[in-house]
Amino acid sequence: MPINVNNTTFASILDLLSPYSCRGCGRIGDALCGHCKKYILDHHQNLCPICKNTNTTDTCPHCNKVKSHDPLPPTFILGERSDLLAALIHDYKYKSIRSLAHHFADMLDQILPPITGSTFIVPLPTIHRHVRERGFDHTLLIAKHLSKKRPNFSVNRALMRANSKVQVGTNMRDRKTQANSAYEINHRIRLDPQANYILLDDVWTTGASLMAATKKLRSCGVSKITLLILGLSRLN
């Protein structure tokens, strides 16, 4: 079983002294082996997060809710938050297994199509309490690894948390209300309206957080936005 590492100072040392076992097959050496990573990628389908059908266009042709919500930006999701992927996300967030960040970044890079021009990865900011508990900002760490995958990528912390409310356990209406006031633009960061912006989050449950963040960026003149997500929850 993966060990619980909360102290970031010793995380890399403990990785060497007590190697993790693969969450998928149990192979000793890493929290995710190459074989199980390939399994996740082989089963990848680009799903519409609204209707949960396979989606290969900017708007899902199968979605009967398309008239009741704003069109989504191009959206790329690694997979459903179930089985192995759900276990990996859980271990990363709640057992502080930092080494999974580069695996997540590698898989996200492989499902993301080529993007030309200056591209900024904007991780959805984590509340400060969770950063303290985990010892790191989990979305920011993935963004940093992902930014090294392509020469035109860089991390941009354009969004800041405006409050510390959490959405776990709340209903869809409450999530949307909370999300609308959860983020604010970091005015110390210059936004380039001509650049591409990738909004990165770990899980889509109702989509309230990502859509609120999208509106914030659009309000500042950003138009080329892509959504990139690890897991799709089927709870809604």
Protein backbone atom coordinates (compact mmCIF):
# COMPACT_ATOMS: atom_id res chain seq x y z
CA MET A 1 0.00 0.00 0.00
CA PRO A 2 1.25 3.55 -0.66
CA ILE A 3 2.61 5.30 2.39
CA ASN A 4 1.19 8.57 3.67
CA VAL A 5 3.75 11.33 3.10
CA ASN A 6 2.65 14.72 4.40
CA ASN A 7 6.07 16.27 5.04
CA THR A 8 7.25 17.65 1.71
CA THR A 9 10.82 18.10 2.99
CA PHE A 10 11.30 14.33 3.24
CA ALA A 11 8.93 13.16 0.51
CA SER A 12 11.60 12.45 -2.12
CA ILE A 13 13.87 10.71 0.44
CA LEU A 14 11.05 8.44 1.60
CA ASP A 15 10.26 7.59 -2.01
CA LEU A 16 13.76 6.13 -2.30
CA LEU A 17 13.84 4.36 1.07
CA SER A 18 10.32 2.91 0.87
CA PRO A 19 9.33 2.54 -2.81
CA TYR A 20 5.65 2.67 -3.60
CA SER A 21 3.76 -0.16 -5.19
CA CYS A 22 1.70 0.40 -8.31
CA ARG A 23 -1.90 1.14 -7.39
CA GLY A 24 -3.05 -0.94 -10.35
CA CYS A 25 -1.01 -4.14 -10.28
CA GLY A 26 1.03 -3.95 -7.08
CA ARG A 27 4.42 -3.90 -8.79
CA ILE A 28 7.05 -2.43 -6.48
CA GLY A 29 8.89 0.74 -7.52
CA ASP A 30 6.34 3.42 -8.38
CA ALA A 31 2.78 4.42 -7.56
CA LEU A 32 1.88 3.84 -11.23
CA CYS A 33 3.78 1.48 -13.49
CA GLY A 34 4.11 1.90 -17.24
CA HIS A 35 1.78 -1.01 -17.98
CA CYS A 36 -1.08 0.42 -15.88
CA LYS A 37 -0.50 3.91 -17.27
CA LYS A 38 -0.88 2.46 -20.77
CA TYR A 39 -4.08 0.74 -19.64
CA ILE A 40 -5.57 4.10 -18.60
CA LEU A 41 -4.56 5.73 -21.89
CA ASP A 42 -5.82 2.79 -23.97
CA HIS A 43 -9.25 3.16 -22.34
CA HIS A 44 -9.37 6.93 -22.77
CA GLN A 45 -12.47 8.39 -24.43
CA ASN A 46 -13.08 12.09 -24.78
CA LEU A 47 -16.39 12.35 -22.94
CA CYS A 48 -18.82 15.22 -22.88
CA PRO A 49 -19.00 16.16 -19.17
CA ILE A 50 -22.61 17.31 -19.54
CA CYS A 51 -24.26 14.24 -21.08
CA LYS A 52 -21.37 11.80 -20.53
CA ASN A 53 -21.30 10.70 -24.18
CA THR A 54 -18.20 10.49 -26.36
CA ASN A 55 -17.40 13.95 -27.66
CA THR A 56 -15.01 14.78 -30.47
CA THR A 57 -16.19 18.33 -31.15
CA ASP A 58 -16.41 21.55 -29.17
CA THR A 59 -20.08 20.90 -28.44
CA CYS A 60 -21.55 17.43 -28.00
CA PRO A 61 -23.95 16.38 -30.78
CA HIS A 62 -25.63 13.87 -28.45
CA CYS A 63 -26.32 16.28 -25.59
CA ASN A 64 -30.02 17.06 -25.22
CA LYS A 65 -29.14 19.70 -22.63
CA VAL A 66 -27.15 21.81 -25.06
CA LYS A 67 -29.81 24.58 -25.11
CA SER A 68 -29.87 24.85 -21.33
CA HIS A 69 -26.20 25.70 -20.80
CA ASP A 70 -23.48 27.83 -22.35
CA PRO A 71 -21.39 26.04 -24.99
CA LEU A 72 -18.35 24.41 -23.43
CA PRO A 73 -14.82 25.32 -24.46
CA PRO A 74 -12.86 22.41 -25.99
CA THR A 75 -12.79 19.90 -23.13
CA PHE A 76 -10.41 16.97 -22.63
CA ILE A 77 -10.87 14.45 -19.82
CA LEU A 78 -8.50 11.60 -19.05
CA GLY A 79 -11.30 9.26 -17.96
CA GLU A 80 -14.12 8.50 -15.58
CA ARG A 81 -13.31 8.87 -11.90
CA SER A 82 -13.70 5.18 -11.16
CA ASP A 83 -11.59 2.10 -10.48
CA LEU A 84 -7.85 2.71 -10.99
CA LEU A 85 -8.07 6.39 -11.94
CA ALA A 86 -10.27 7.12 -8.91
CA ALA A 87 -7.77 5.36 -6.63
CA LEU A 88 -4.86 7.31 -8.10
CA ILE A 89 -6.60 10.66 -7.69
CA HIS A 90 -7.50 9.76 -4.10
CA ASP A 91 -3.95 8.71 -3.25
CA TYR A 92 -2.52 11.83 -4.85
CA LYS A 93 -4.83 14.23 -3.01
CA TYR A 94 -5.34 12.52 0.33
CA LYS A 95 -2.20 10.43 0.80
CA SER A 96 0.11 13.10 -0.61
CA ILE A 97 1.81 10.84 -3.14
CA ARG A 98 3.54 13.63 -5.03
CA SER A 99 5.22 11.30 -7.53
CA LEU A 100 1.85 10.80 -9.24
CA ALA A 101 1.92 14.41 -10.46
CA HIS A 102 4.35 13.68 -13.29
CA HIS A 103 2.34 10.60 -14.33
CA PHE A 104 -0.85 12.66 -14.49
CA ALA A 105 0.96 15.36 -16.48
CA ASP A 106 2.32 12.77 -18.91
CA MET A 107 -1.12 11.26 -19.54
CA LEU A 108 -2.80 14.66 -19.91
CA ASP A 109 -0.14 15.67 -22.43
CA GLN A 110 -0.92 12.56 -24.47
CA ILE A 111 -4.66 13.24 -24.66
CA LEU A 112 -4.24 16.94 -25.41
CA PRO A 113 -4.07 17.76 -29.14
CA PRO A 114 -1.35 20.04 -30.56
CA ILE A 115 -1.81 23.67 -29.55
CA THR A 116 0.16 26.29 -31.43
CA GLY A 117 1.22 29.64 -30.08
CA SER A 118 1.82 30.88 -26.58
CA THR A 119 -0.10 28.66 -24.15
CA PHE A 120 -0.64 29.20 -20.44
CA ILE A 121 -1.72 26.45 -18.05
CA VAL A 122 -3.95 27.89 -15.33
CA PRO A 123 -4.46 25.47 -12.43
CA LEU A 124 -7.67 25.98 -10.48
CA PRO A 125 -6.36 27.26 -7.14
CA THR A 126 -6.69 25.06 -4.08
CA ILE A 127 -7.88 26.49 -0.77
CA HIS A 128 -5.01 27.25 1.61
CA ARG A 129 -6.16 24.76 4.24
CA HIS A 130 -5.94 21.87 1.79
CA VAL A 131 -2.52 22.99 0.60
CA ARG A 132 -1.30 22.95 4.22
CA GLU A 133 -2.85 19.52 4.86
CA ARG A 134 -1.37 17.94 1.73
CA GLY A 135 1.91 19.80 1.85
CA PHE A 136 1.53 20.97 -1.76
CA ASP A 137 -0.96 22.43 -4.23
CA HIS A 138 -2.00 19.36 -6.21
CA THR A 139 -3.24 21.10 -9.37
CA LEU A 140 -0.30 23.51 -9.45
CA LEU A 141 2.18 20.63 -9.22
CA ILE A 142 0.59 18.86 -12.19
CA ALA A 143 0.61 22.14 -14.13
CA LYS A 144 4.34 22.56 -13.47
CA HIS A 145 5.09 19.08 -14.79
CA LEU A 146 2.80 19.59 -17.79
CA SER A 147 4.47 22.90 -18.67
CA LYS A 148 7.73 21.01 -19.28
CA LYS A 149 6.14 18.77 -21.89
CA ARG A 150 5.88 21.34 -24.69
CA PRO A 151 8.11 24.33 -25.47
CA ASN A 152 5.19 26.76 -25.84
CA PHE A 153 3.62 25.86 -22.46
CA SER A 154 4.08 27.77 -19.21
CA VAL A 155 2.23 28.01 -15.91
CA ASN A 156 0.10 31.09 -15.30
CA ARG A 157 -1.51 31.61 -11.88
CA ALA A 158 -4.12 34.00 -13.25
CA LEU A 159 -6.74 32.88 -10.74
CA MET A 160 -6.77 33.23 -6.97
CA ARG A 161 -9.09 31.84 -4.32
CA ALA A 162 -11.55 34.47 -3.14
CA ASN A 163 -12.80 32.34 -0.23
CA SER A 164 -12.15 29.05 1.53
CA LYS A 165 -15.51 27.34 1.01
CA VAL A 166 -15.39 23.70 -0.07
CA GLN A 167 -17.89 22.06 -2.39
CA VAL A 168 -17.67 18.45 -1.24
CA GLY A 169 -21.09 17.18 -0.22
CA THR A 170 -23.03 20.18 -1.56
CA ASN A 171 -25.77 19.95 -4.17
CA MET A 172 -25.56 21.30 -7.71
CA ARG A 173 -27.29 24.60 -6.92
CA ASP A 174 -25.03 25.28 -3.91
CA ARG A 175 -21.93 24.32 -5.89
CA LYS A 176 -22.79 26.83 -8.61
CA THR A 177 -23.47 29.59 -6.09
CA GLN A 178 -20.21 28.91 -4.25
CA ALA A 179 -18.19 28.60 -7.45
CA ASN A 180 -19.36 31.97 -8.74
CA SER A 181 -17.67 33.64 -5.77
CA ALA A 182 -14.77 31.21 -5.33
CA TYR A 183 -12.24 32.80 -7.69
CA GLU A 184 -10.89 36.19 -8.58
CA ILE A 185 -8.39 37.40 -11.13
CA ASN A 186 -4.83 37.79 -9.90
CA HIS A 187 -4.19 41.35 -11.09
CA ARG A 188 -0.45 40.94 -10.58
CA ILE A 189 -0.52 38.59 -13.58
CA ARG A 190 -0.79 40.09 -17.05
CA LEU A 191 -3.29 38.30 -19.29
CA ASP A 192 -2.63 38.07 -23.02
CA PRO A 193 -5.92 38.02 -25.00
CA GLN A 194 -4.11 36.47 -27.97
CA ALA A 195 -2.71 33.51 -26.03
CA ASN A 196 -4.20 30.09 -25.33
CA TYR A 197 -5.28 29.30 -21.78
CA ILE A 198 -5.69 25.77 -20.43
CA LEU A 199 -7.81 25.57 -17.28
CA LEU A 200 -6.62 22.53 -15.33
CA ASP A 201 -8.64 20.74 -12.62
CA ASP A 202 -8.62 17.29 -11.06
CA VAL A 203 -12.31 16.31 -11.17
CA TRP A 204 -15.45 17.48 -12.98
CA THR A 205 -18.48 16.82 -10.78
CA THR A 206 -21.00 19.49 -11.73
CA GLY A 207 -18.60 21.68 -13.70
CA ALA A 208 -19.45 24.70 -11.57
CA SER A 209 -15.84 25.50 -10.68
CA LEU A 210 -14.48 25.25 -14.21
CA MET A 211 -17.33 27.22 -15.73
CA ALA A 212 -16.97 29.96 -13.11
CA ALA A 213 -13.24 30.12 -13.81
CA THR A 214 -13.94 30.26 -17.55
CA LYS A 215 -16.25 33.25 -17.07
CA LYS A 216 -13.58 35.03 -15.02
CA LEU A 217 -11.02 34.66 -17.80
CA ARG A 218 -13.49 35.65 -20.49
CA SER A 219 -14.37 38.78 -18.54
CA CYS A 220 -10.74 39.85 -19.01
CA GLY A 221 -10.78 39.35 -22.76
CA VAL A 222 -9.43 35.80 -22.92
CA SER A 223 -11.23 33.86 -25.66
CA LYS A 224 -9.06 30.82 -26.45
CA ILE A 225 -9.77 28.56 -23.49
CA THR A 226 -9.39 24.79 -23.17
CA LEU A 227 -10.56 22.67 -20.22
CA LEU A 228 -8.29 19.82 -19.09
CA ILE A 229 -9.49 17.40 -16.41
CA LEU A 230 -8.23 14.21 -14.80
CA GLY A 231 -11.49 12.53 -13.84
CA LEU A 232 -15.17 12.78 -14.71
CA SER A 233 -17.60 12.03 -11.92
CA ARG A 234 -20.93 10.49 -12.87
CA LEU A 235 -22.62 11.67 -9.68
CA ASN A 236 -24.60 14.43 -11.41
